[in-house]
Amino acid sequence: MLQSFTVVGTQVFILFILIGIGFVGTKAGIIKKEGVSTITEIMLYIVTPCVIIHAFQRDFEPSLLKGFLIAFGAAILSHVICIILGKLFIHNEDDDKKRLFRFGVIFSNCGFMSLPLLDALLGSEGVFYGASYVAVFNLFLWSYGLVLMDTKGGALSVKKILLNPGVIPVVIGLIFFFTSFRLPNIIGIPVEYLAALNTPVPMLVIGYNVSRLDLGKAMRDRDEYIMMLLRLLVCPAIILAIMYLAGVRGNLLVACAVSASAPVAASSTMFTIKFGGNSELSAETVAVSTLLSIITMTLIVGCAFAIA
């Protein structure tokens, strides 16, 4: 069991070093707000889709399809459980904070944080399963997430739910997977090169966000502590227990644990800015949960490795 925690802890620490480089780069004035905004767009609309499509470049196997569907179901269950726990335990008198903290409980950074870790721990098979979680994340984000954060209403649409950079590449990837279609090298190699950016670049962005954190003013709200506990430990532990009792083992169990245990989604800040919420508090929850996840993800994923 100790070896399991060591393996996971080593990979998480490597990501932490990359985050540290982003932190230092920001403090040195190399990484700036405008650049981070552009990089985030590149990651969202170019790199992450390439990561997902590249992971689906494999021959069709019924066992992999079964695993993908199980991961998809686990992701739905995870989001539903988090919605329920958020409503049960987050009751802040400030409506803006209540929405933000509930959003933080529900939505994990399953793209920027989980996919790089899955790639490091499990390779393309881990990313293959992680892609299902990303797809479900985006389906919930652009439906329930919009309803939760948009107090004026009117933002919800079928187009946003289905046509977004988290769902489209999964659909394309599944078509490739079912047909065992391989991209020609003239296209496949650039896709692979772009996919390789998915580990270092998001960590630099996270390092930028952490550098803006004022630890002296952070974590002053009781519900923020509850949100962190639910997002980082309670929700992933429940999913891990349910899947283990259901007989899920191996890489699939680990992949679901990684996706479920990620810190608060970076989308939290994007949505608070878009709908006029407290963007500073949102950035704080993302940064603090990311720092804490260095410990909590090691615990949760280490347990998954040990029992897988």
Foldseek 3Di string as FASTA:
>chain_A
DVVLLVLLLVLLVVLVVLLQVLQVCVVVVNDDPVNLVVLVVCCFQPQLLLLQLLLLLAEADPVLVVLLVVLLVLLVVLLVVLLVVLVVQQDDPDLLVSLLLSLQSRAFQLQLQQLLSLCSPPNSSLNNSSLSNLLVNQLCCLAVVCVSLAPPDDSHDPCSNQPGSSHVSNVVSVVCHVVSNHDPCVPSVVSVVSNVVSRNSSSSSLSNLLSPADVVPPDPDPSLVVSLCSQAPVSLVVSLVVCVVVPDADSSSLSSSSSSRHGGHPVSLVSCVVNVGDNVNSSRRRNVSNVVNSPSSSVRSSVRVVSD
